[in-house]
Amino acid sequence: MISRNVNIVNSVGLHARPATFFIQKANSYKSSIWVENEDRRVNAKSLLGVLSLGIVKGMTITLIADGPDEADALAGLADLILSGFQD
């Protein structure tokens, strides 16, 4: 199990469209992936879960992955977030 902190840089955070891109990317990996914000952790492959965190620009979230492609999963999701969802 590995984790990585990522700062949200896009203007709307993880809402609607960016969250959909994030979920699709998360679902492309075999590993279990979670998003953690403050004291809440949700399944990164669940749109409702991710939206429920209310993640906005400037927040730092923790991505956690456990599985056969965990390093690739965290790298891919972090790159997506840091590109402002331009991937």
PDB file of N, CA and C in Angstrom:
ATOM      1  N   MET A   1       0.851  -1.172   0.000  1.00  0.00           N
ATOM      2  CA  MET A   1       0.000   0.000   0.000  1.00  0.00           C
ATOM      3  C   MET A   1       0.897   1.236   0.000  1.00  0.00           C
ATOM      4  N   ILE A   2       0.587   2.170  -0.912  1.00  0.00           N
ATOM      5  CA  ILE A   2       1.349   3.413  -0.994  1.00  0.00           C
ATOM      6  C   ILE A   2       0.387   4.592  -1.051  1.00  0.00           C
ATOM      7  N   SER A   3       0.905   5.773  -0.719  1.00  0.00           N
ATOM      8  CA  SER A   3       0.057   6.967  -0.763  1.00  0.00           C
ATOM      9  C   SER A   3       0.851   8.146  -1.308  1.00  0.00           C
ATOM     10  N   ARG A   4       0.117   9.160  -1.729  1.00  0.00           N
ATOM     11  CA  ARG A   4       0.731  10.366  -2.286  1.00  0.00           C
ATOM     12  C   ARG A   4      -0.207  11.544  -2.078  1.00  0.00           C
ATOM     13  N   ASN A   5       0.331  12.658  -1.605  1.00  0.00           N
ATOM     14  CA  ASN A   5      -0.450  13.886  -1.474  1.00  0.00           C
ATOM     15  C   ASN A   5      -0.411  14.660  -2.778  1.00  0.00           C
ATOM     16  N   VAL A   6      -1.564  15.201  -3.170  1.00  0.00           N
ATOM     17  CA  VAL A   6      -1.671  15.956  -4.411  1.00  0.00           C
ATOM     18  C   VAL A   6      -2.495  17.207  -4.152  1.00  0.00           C
ATOM     19  N   ASN A   7      -2.020  18.343  -4.666  1.00  0.00           N
ATOM     20  CA  ASN A   7      -2.740  19.595  -4.544  1.00  0.00           C
ATOM     21  C   ASN A   7      -3.671  19.776  -5.754  1.00  0.00           C
ATOM     22  N   ILE A   8      -4.901  20.166  -5.498  1.00  0.00           N
ATOM     23  CA  ILE A   8      -5.879  20.376  -6.578  1.00  0.00           C
ATOM     24  C   ILE A   8      -5.628  21.738  -7.213  1.00  0.00           C
ATOM     25  N   VAL A   9      -5.347  21.755  -8.518  1.00  0.00           N
ATOM     26  CA  VAL A   9      -4.971  23.001  -9.194  1.00  0.00           C
ATOM     27  C   VAL A   9      -6.023  23.547 -10.154  1.00  0.00           C
ATOM     28  N   ASN A  10      -6.967  22.728 -10.580  1.00  0.00           N
ATOM     29  CA  ASN A  10      -7.956  23.230 -11.536  1.00  0.00           C
ATOM     30  C   ASN A  10      -9.000  24.082 -10.819  1.00  0.00           C
ATOM     31  N   SER A  11      -9.650  24.950 -11.562  1.00  0.00           N
ATOM     32  CA  SER A  11     -10.518  25.976 -10.964  1.00  0.00           C
ATOM     33  C   SER A  11     -11.752  25.449 -10.247  1.00  0.00           C
ATOM     34  N   VAL A  12     -12.287  24.311 -10.651  1.00  0.00           N
ATOM     35  CA  VAL A  12     -13.526  23.811 -10.031  1.00  0.00           C
ATOM     36  C   VAL A  12     -13.314  22.628  -9.089  1.00  0.00           C
ATOM     37  N   GLY A  13     -12.068  22.213  -8.904  1.00  0.00           N
ATOM     38  CA  GLY A  13     -11.806  21.080  -8.024  1.00  0.00           C
ATOM     39  C   GLY A  13     -12.291  19.777  -8.633  1.00  0.00           C
ATOM     40  N   LEU A  14     -12.690  18.848  -7.773  1.00  0.00           N
ATOM     41  CA  LEU A  14     -13.187  17.545  -8.241  1.00  0.00           C
ATOM     42  C   LEU A  14     -14.706  17.542  -8.224  1.00  0.00           C
ATOM     43  N   HIS A  15     -15.287  18.276  -9.142  1.00  0.00           N
ATOM     44  CA  HIS A  15     -16.740  18.350  -9.277  1.00  0.00           C
ATOM     45  C   HIS A  15     -17.131  17.884 -10.674  1.00  0.00           C
ATOM     46  N   ALA A  16     -18.287  17.303 -10.785  1.00  0.00           N
ATOM     47  CA  ALA A  16     -18.915  16.870 -12.043  1.00  0.00           C
ATOM     48  C   ALA A  16     -17.933  16.351 -13.091  1.00  0.00           C
ATOM     49  N   ARG A  17     -17.595  17.165 -14.084  1.00  0.00           N
ATOM     50  CA  ARG A  17     -16.799  16.699 -15.216  1.00  0.00           C
ATOM     51  C   ARG A  17     -15.403  16.223 -14.803  1.00  0.00           C
ATOM     52  N   PRO A  18     -14.618  17.017 -14.041  1.00  0.00           N
ATOM     53  CA  PRO A  18     -13.299  16.518 -13.637  1.00  0.00           C
ATOM     54  C   PRO A  18     -13.393  15.238 -12.801  1.00  0.00           C
ATOM     55  N   ALA A  19     -14.393  15.141 -11.951  1.00  0.00           N
ATOM     56  CA  ALA A  19     -14.554  13.935 -11.136  1.00  0.00           C
ATOM     57  C   ALA A  19     -14.836  12.726 -12.020  1.00  0.00           C
ATOM     58  N   THR A  20     -15.591  12.922 -13.073  1.00  0.00           N
ATOM     59  CA  THR A  20     -15.880  11.828 -14.006  1.00  0.00           C
ATOM     60  C   THR A  20     -14.593  11.344 -14.665  1.00  0.00           C
ATOM     61  N   PHE A  21     -13.738  12.280 -15.106  1.00  0.00           N
ATOM     62  CA  PHE A  21     -12.449  11.896 -15.693  1.00  0.00           C
ATOM     63  C   PHE A  21     -11.596  11.146 -14.675  1.00  0.00           C
ATOM     64  N   PHE A  22     -11.618  11.621 -13.446  1.00  0.00           N
ATOM     65  CA  PHE A  22     -10.846  10.998 -12.367  1.00  0.00           C
ATOM     66  C   PHE A  22     -11.318   9.569 -12.119  1.00  0.00           C
ATOM     67  N   ILE A  23     -12.628   9.375 -12.043  1.00  0.00           N
ATOM     68  CA  ILE A  23     -13.205   8.043 -11.800  1.00  0.00           C
ATOM     69  C   ILE A  23     -12.866   7.088 -12.945  1.00  0.00           C
ATOM     70  N   GLN A  24     -12.985   7.582 -14.173  1.00  0.00           N
ATOM     71  CA  GLN A  24     -12.672   6.736 -15.322  1.00  0.00           C
ATOM     72  C   GLN A  24     -11.216   6.281 -15.288  1.00  0.00           C
ATOM     73  N   LYS A  25     -10.332   7.212 -14.944  1.00  0.00           N
ATOM     74  CA  LYS A  25      -8.900   6.878 -14.853  1.00  0.00           C
ATOM     75  C   LYS A  25      -8.671   5.872 -13.716  1.00  0.00           C
ATOM     76  N   ALA A  26      -9.279   6.105 -12.565  1.00  0.00           N
ATOM     77  CA  ALA A  26      -9.125   5.200 -11.423  1.00  0.00           C
ATOM     78  C   ALA A  26      -9.602   3.792 -11.773  1.00  0.00           C
ATOM     79  N   ASN A  27     -10.687   3.710 -12.515  1.00  0.00           N
ATOM     80  CA  ASN A  27     -11.243   2.407 -12.896  1.00  0.00           C
ATOM     81  C   ASN A  27     -10.402   1.676 -13.935  1.00  0.00           C
ATOM     82  N   SER A  28      -9.427   2.351 -14.524  1.00  0.00           N
ATOM     83  CA  SER A  28      -8.562   1.690 -15.507  1.00  0.00           C
ATOM     84  C   SER A  28      -7.451   0.875 -14.823  1.00  0.00           C
ATOM     85  N   TYR A  29      -7.363   0.980 -13.494  1.00  0.00           N
ATOM     86  CA  TYR A  29      -6.342   0.243 -12.739  1.00  0.00           C
ATOM     87  C   TYR A  29      -6.971  -0.903 -11.953  1.00  0.00           C
ATOM     88  N   LYS A  30      -6.186  -1.952 -11.744  1.00  0.00           N
ATOM     89  CA  LYS A  30      -6.663  -3.118 -10.993  1.00  0.00           C
ATOM     90  C   LYS A  30      -6.620  -2.881  -9.485  1.00  0.00           C
ATOM     91  N   SER A  31      -5.724  -2.021  -9.028  1.00  0.00           N
ATOM     92  CA  SER A  31      -5.547  -1.766  -7.596  1.00  0.00           C
ATOM     93  C   SER A  31      -6.777  -1.140  -6.969  1.00  0.00           C
ATOM     94  N   SER A  32      -6.919  -1.337  -5.673  1.00  0.00           N
ATOM     95  CA  SER A  32      -7.912  -0.601  -4.898  1.00  0.00           C
ATOM     96  C   SER A  32      -7.335   0.790  -4.670  1.00  0.00           C
ATOM     97  N   ILE A  33      -8.167   1.813  -4.874  1.00  0.00           N
ATOM     98  CA  ILE A  33      -7.694   3.191  -4.759  1.00  0.00           C
ATOM     99  C   ILE A  33      -8.685   3.981  -3.918  1.00  0.00           C
ATOM    100  N   TRP A  34      -8.144   4.803  -3.014  1.00  0.00           N
ATOM    101  CA  TRP A  34      -8.984   5.658  -2.177  1.00  0.00           C
ATOM    102  C   TRP A  34      -8.512   7.095  -2.272  1.00  0.00           C
ATOM    103  N   VAL A  35      -9.438   8.005  -2.000  1.00  0.00           N
ATOM    104  CA  VAL A  35      -9.126   9.429  -1.878  1.00  0.00           C
ATOM    105  C   VAL A  35      -9.422   9.813  -0.439  1.00  0.00           C
ATOM    106  N   GLU A  36      -8.471  10.499   0.174  1.00  0.00           N
ATOM    107  CA  GLU A  36      -8.645  10.905   1.559  1.00  0.00           C
ATOM    108  C   GLU A  36      -8.537  12.426   1.644  1.00  0.00           C
ATOM    109  N   ASN A  37      -9.485  13.027   2.348  1.00  0.00           N
ATOM    110  CA  ASN A  37      -9.494  14.458   2.582  1.00  0.00           C
ATOM    111  C   ASN A  37      -9.841  14.672   4.049  1.00  0.00           C
ATOM    112  N   GLU A  38      -8.900  15.258   4.784  1.00  0.00           N
ATOM    113  CA  GLU A  38      -9.037  15.436   6.223  1.00  0.00           C
ATOM    114  C   GLU A  38      -9.266  14.072   6.874  1.00  0.00           C
ATOM    115  N   ASP A  39     -10.415  13.831   7.477  1.00  0.00           N
ATOM    116  CA  ASP A  39     -10.629  12.558   8.176  1.00  0.00           C
ATOM    117  C   ASP A  39     -11.544  11.606   7.416  1.00  0.00           C
ATOM    118  N   ARG A  40     -11.831  11.918   6.151  1.00  0.00           N
ATOM    119  CA  ARG A  40     -12.729  11.053   5.365  1.00  0.00           C
ATOM    120  C   ARG A  40     -11.967  10.365   4.249  1.00  0.00           C
ATOM    121  N   ARG A  41     -12.291   9.083   4.049  1.00  0.00           N
ATOM    122  CA  ARG A  41     -11.688   8.288   2.974  1.00  0.00           C
ATOM    123  C   ARG A  41     -12.802   7.655   2.166  1.00  0.00           C
ATOM    124  N   VAL A  42     -12.720   7.800   0.828  1.00  0.00           N
ATOM    125  CA  VAL A  42     -13.733   7.207  -0.051  1.00  0.00           C
ATOM    126  C   VAL A  42     -13.056   6.427  -1.166  1.00  0.00           C
ATOM    127  N   ASN A  43     -13.821   5.533  -1.756  1.00  0.00           N
ATOM    128  CA  ASN A  43     -13.366   4.749  -2.892  1.00  0.00           C
ATOM    129  C   ASN A  43     -13.191   5.689  -4.086  1.00  0.00           C
ATOM    130  N   ALA A  44     -11.989   5.719  -4.659  1.00  0.00           N
ATOM    131  CA  ALA A  44     -11.701   6.601  -5.797  1.00  0.00           C
ATOM    132  C   ALA A  44     -12.415   6.166  -7.068  1.00  0.00           C
ATOM    133  N   LYS A  45     -13.025   4.988  -7.052  1.00  0.00           N
ATOM    134  CA  LYS A  45     -13.731   4.494  -8.226  1.00  0.00           C
ATOM    135  C   LYS A  45     -15.225   4.761  -8.126  1.00  0.00           C
ATOM    136  N   SER A  46     -15.632   5.504  -7.096  1.00  0.00           N
ATOM    137  CA  SER A  46     -17.040   5.825  -6.857  1.00  0.00           C
ATOM    138  C   SER A  46     -17.290   7.314  -7.079  1.00  0.00           C
ATOM    139  N   LEU A  47     -18.075   7.646  -8.081  1.00  0.00           N
ATOM    140  CA  LEU A  47     -18.367   9.055  -8.369  1.00  0.00           C
ATOM    141  C   LEU A  47     -19.037   9.727  -7.180  1.00  0.00           C
ATOM    142  N   LEU A  48     -20.036   9.079  -6.610  1.00  0.00           N
ATOM    143  CA  LEU A  48     -20.736   9.657  -5.469  1.00  0.00           C
ATOM    144  C   LEU A  48     -19.786   9.868  -4.288  1.00  0.00           C
ATOM    145  N   GLY A  49     -18.915   8.907  -4.052  1.00  0.00           N
ATOM    146  CA  GLY A  49     -17.947   9.033  -2.966  1.00  0.00           C
ATOM    147  C   GLY A  49     -17.018  10.217  -3.160  1.00  0.00           C
ATOM    148  N   VAL A  50     -16.454  10.335  -4.348  1.00  0.00           N
ATOM    149  CA  VAL A  50     -15.527  11.433  -4.636  1.00  0.00           C
ATOM    150  C   VAL A  50     -16.238  12.778  -4.548  1.00  0.00           C
ATOM    151  N   LEU A  51     -17.433  12.876  -5.129  1.00  0.00           N
ATOM    152  CA  LEU A  51     -18.175  14.133  -5.068  1.00  0.00           C
ATOM    153  C   LEU A  51     -18.539  14.515  -3.640  1.00  0.00           C
ATOM    154  N   SER A  52     -18.768  13.513  -2.793  1.00  0.00           N
ATOM    155  CA  SER A  52     -19.180  13.787  -1.411  1.00  0.00           C
ATOM    156  C   SER A  52     -18.081  14.459  -0.587  1.00  0.00           C
ATOM    157  N   LEU A  53     -16.825  14.402  -1.061  1.00  0.00           N
ATOM    158  CA  LEU A  53     -15.736  15.025  -0.332  1.00  0.00           C
ATOM    159  C   LEU A  53     -15.711  16.552  -0.498  1.00  0.00           C
ATOM    160  N   GLY A  54     -16.381  17.065  -1.524  1.00  0.00           N
ATOM    161  CA  GLY A  54     -16.421  18.512  -1.736  1.00  0.00           C
ATOM    162  C   GLY A  54     -15.045  19.113  -1.974  1.00  0.00           C
ATOM    163  N   ILE A  55     -14.258  18.490  -2.808  1.00  0.00           N
ATOM    164  CA  ILE A  55     -12.882  18.919  -3.050  1.00  0.00           C
ATOM    165  C   ILE A  55     -12.859  20.118  -3.991  1.00  0.00           C
ATOM    166  N   VAL A  56     -12.216  21.197  -3.549  1.00  0.00           N
ATOM    167  CA  VAL A  56     -12.133  22.425  -4.338  1.00  0.00           C
ATOM    168  C   VAL A  56     -10.674  22.800  -4.582  1.00  0.00           C
ATOM    169  N   LYS A  57     -10.474  23.779  -5.464  1.00  0.00           N
ATOM    170  CA  LYS A  57      -9.136  24.249  -5.809  1.00  0.00           C
ATOM    171  C   LYS A  57      -8.372  24.651  -4.544  1.00  0.00           C
ATOM    172  N   GLY A  58      -7.105  24.259  -4.504  1.00  0.00           N
ATOM    173  CA  GLY A  58      -6.243  24.609  -3.389  1.00  0.00           C
ATOM    174  C   GLY A  58      -6.168  23.559  -2.294  1.00  0.00           C
ATOM    175  N   MET A  59      -7.113  22.636  -2.257  1.00  0.00           N
ATOM    176  CA  MET A  59      -7.080  21.569  -1.252  1.00  0.00           C
ATOM    177  C   MET A  59      -5.977  20.572  -1.592  1.00  0.00           C
ATOM    178  N   THR A  60      -5.457  19.949  -0.566  1.00  0.00           N
ATOM    179  CA  THR A  60      -4.512  18.850  -0.749  1.00  0.00           C
ATOM    180  C   THR A  60      -5.222  17.571  -0.328  1.00  0.00           C
ATOM    181  N   ILE A  61      -5.227  16.605  -1.239  1.00  0.00           N
ATOM    182  CA  ILE A  61      -5.849  15.318  -0.959  1.00  0.00           C
ATOM    183  C   ILE A  61      -4.758  14.252  -0.925  1.00  0.00           C
ATOM    184  N   THR A  62      -5.088  13.127  -0.328  1.00  0.00           N
ATOM    185  CA  THR A  62      -4.174  11.991  -0.307  1.00  0.00           C
ATOM    186  C   THR A  62      -4.769  10.880  -1.153  1.00  0.00           C
ATOM    187  N   LEU A  63      -3.987  10.401  -2.104  1.00  0.00           N
ATOM    188  CA  LEU A  63      -4.369   9.253  -2.915  1.00  0.00           C
ATOM    189  C   LEU A  63      -3.687   8.036  -2.315  1.00  0.00           C
ATOM    190  N   ILE A  64      -4.437   6.962  -2.150  1.00  0.00           N
ATOM    191  CA  ILE A  64      -3.922   5.731  -1.547  1.00  0.00           C
ATOM    192  C   ILE A  64      -4.253   4.581  -2.492  1.00  0.00           C
ATOM    193  N   ALA A  65      -3.270   3.745  -2.774  1.00  0.00           N
ATOM    194  CA  ALA A  65      -3.504   2.606  -3.667  1.00  0.00           C
ATOM    195  C   ALA A  65      -2.885   1.349  -3.073  1.00  0.00           C
ATOM    196  N   ASP A  66      -3.543   0.239  -3.338  1.00  0.00           N
ATOM    197  CA  ASP A  66      -3.065  -1.055  -2.871  1.00  0.00           C
ATOM    198  C   ASP A  66      -3.385  -2.091  -3.934  1.00  0.00           C
ATOM    199  N   GLY A  67      -2.358  -2.663  -4.522  1.00  0.00           N
ATOM    200  CA  GLY A  67      -2.586  -3.684  -5.533  1.00  0.00           C
ATOM    201  C   GLY A  67      -1.428  -3.807  -6.497  1.00  0.00           C
ATOM    202  N   PRO A  68      -1.621  -4.609  -7.541  1.00  0.00           N
ATOM    203  CA  PRO A  68      -0.527  -4.930  -8.450  1.00  0.00           C
ATOM    204  C   PRO A  68       0.015  -3.750  -9.264  1.00  0.00           C
ATOM    205  N   ASP A  69      -0.813  -2.734  -9.501  1.00  0.00           N
ATOM    206  CA  ASP A  69      -0.360  -1.582 -10.288  1.00  0.00           C
ATOM    207  C   ASP A  69      -0.478  -0.288  -9.486  1.00  0.00           C
ATOM    208  N   GLU A  70      -0.267  -0.391  -8.165  1.00  0.00           N
ATOM    209  CA  GLU A  70      -0.480   0.748  -7.268  1.00  0.00           C
ATOM    210  C   GLU A  70       0.387   1.957  -7.620  1.00  0.00           C
ATOM    211  N   ALA A  71       1.658   1.733  -7.964  1.00  0.00           N
ATOM    212  CA  ALA A  71       2.539   2.863  -8.300  1.00  0.00           C
ATOM    213  C   ALA A  71       2.073   3.557  -9.567  1.00  0.00           C
ATOM    214  N   ASP A  72       1.705   2.768 -10.575  1.00  0.00           N
ATOM    215  CA  ASP A  72       1.197   3.343 -11.824  1.00  0.00           C
ATOM    216  C   ASP A  72      -0.105   4.092 -11.590  1.00  0.00           C
ATOM    217  N   ALA A  73      -0.959   3.549 -10.733  1.00  0.00           N
ATOM    218  CA  ALA A  73      -2.248   4.182 -10.442  1.00  0.00           C
ATOM    219  C   ALA A  73      -2.047   5.554  -9.812  1.00  0.00           C
ATOM    220  N   LEU A  74      -1.193   5.634  -8.797  1.00  0.00           N
ATOM    221  CA  LEU A  74      -0.971   6.920  -8.143  1.00  0.00           C
ATOM    222  C   LEU A  74      -0.308   7.912  -9.081  1.00  0.00           C
ATOM    223  N   ALA A  75       0.648   7.450  -9.867  1.00  0.00           N
ATOM    224  CA  ALA A  75       1.324   8.343 -10.812  1.00  0.00           C
ATOM    225  C   ALA A  75       0.337   8.861 -11.857  1.00  0.00           C
ATOM    226  N   GLY A  76      -0.488   7.980 -12.406  1.00  0.00           N
ATOM    227  CA  GLY A  76      -1.452   8.381 -13.431  1.00  0.00           C
ATOM    228  C   GLY A  76      -2.502   9.341 -12.910  1.00  0.00           C
ATOM    229  N   LEU A  77      -3.033   9.068 -11.724  1.00  0.00           N
ATOM    230  CA  LEU A  77      -4.053   9.943 -11.142  1.00  0.00           C
ATOM    231  C   LEU A  77      -3.464  11.287 -10.726  1.00  0.00           C
ATOM    232  N   ALA A  78      -2.263  11.277 -10.167  1.00  0.00           N
ATOM    233  CA  ALA A  78      -1.608  12.529  -9.794  1.00  0.00           C
ATOM    234  C   ALA A  78      -1.326  13.382 -11.019  1.00  0.00           C
ATOM    235  N   ASP A  79      -0.851  12.754 -12.093  1.00  0.00           N
ATOM    236  CA  ASP A  79      -0.598  13.490 -13.335  1.00  0.00           C
ATOM    237  C   ASP A  79      -1.865  14.110 -13.884  1.00  0.00           C
ATOM    238  N   LEU A  80      -2.964  13.369 -13.827  1.00  0.00           N
ATOM    239  CA  LEU A  80      -4.253  13.885 -14.291  1.00  0.00           C
ATOM    240  C   LEU A  80      -4.662  15.116 -13.492  1.00  0.00           C
ATOM    241  N   ILE A  81      -4.542  15.030 -12.172  1.00  0.00           N
ATOM    242  CA  ILE A  81      -4.916  16.151 -11.313  1.00  0.00           C
ATOM    243  C   ILE A  81      -4.011  17.351 -11.555  1.00  0.00           C
ATOM    244  N   LEU A  82      -2.692  17.117 -11.600  1.00  0.00           N
ATOM    245  CA  LEU A  82      -1.746  18.217 -11.754  1.00  0.00           C
ATOM    246  C   LEU A  82      -1.794  18.862 -13.130  1.00  0.00           C
ATOM    247  N   SER A  83      -2.350  18.159 -14.113  1.00  0.00           N
ATOM    248  CA  SER A  83      -2.503  18.747 -15.454  1.00  0.00           C
ATOM    249  C   SER A  83      -3.772  19.601 -15.531  1.00  0.00           C
ATOM    250  N   GLY A  84      -4.516  19.659 -14.442  1.00  0.00           N
ATOM    251  CA  GLY A  84      -5.783  20.387 -14.465  1.00  0.00           C
ATOM    252  C   GLY A  84      -6.840  19.634 -15.244  1.00  0.00           C
ATOM    253  N   PHE A  85      -6.690  18.317 -15.323  1.00  0.00           N
ATOM    254  CA  PHE A  85      -7.607  17.415 -16.035  1.00  0.00           C
ATOM    255  C   PHE A  85      -7.587  17.647 -17.541  1.00  0.00           C
ATOM    256  N   GLN A  86      -6.404  17.964 -18.029  1.00  0.00           N
ATOM    257  CA  GLN A  86      -6.197  18.174 -19.464  1.00  0.00           C
ATOM    258  C   GLN A  86      -5.708  16.909 -20.168  1.00  0.00           C
ATOM    259  N   ASP A  87      -5.643  15.795 -19.426  1.00  0.00           N
ATOM    260  CA  ASP A  87      -5.118  14.525 -19.958  1.00  0.00           C
ATOM    261  C   ASP A  87      -6.066  13.931 -20.988  1.00  0.00           C
TER     262      ASP A  87
END
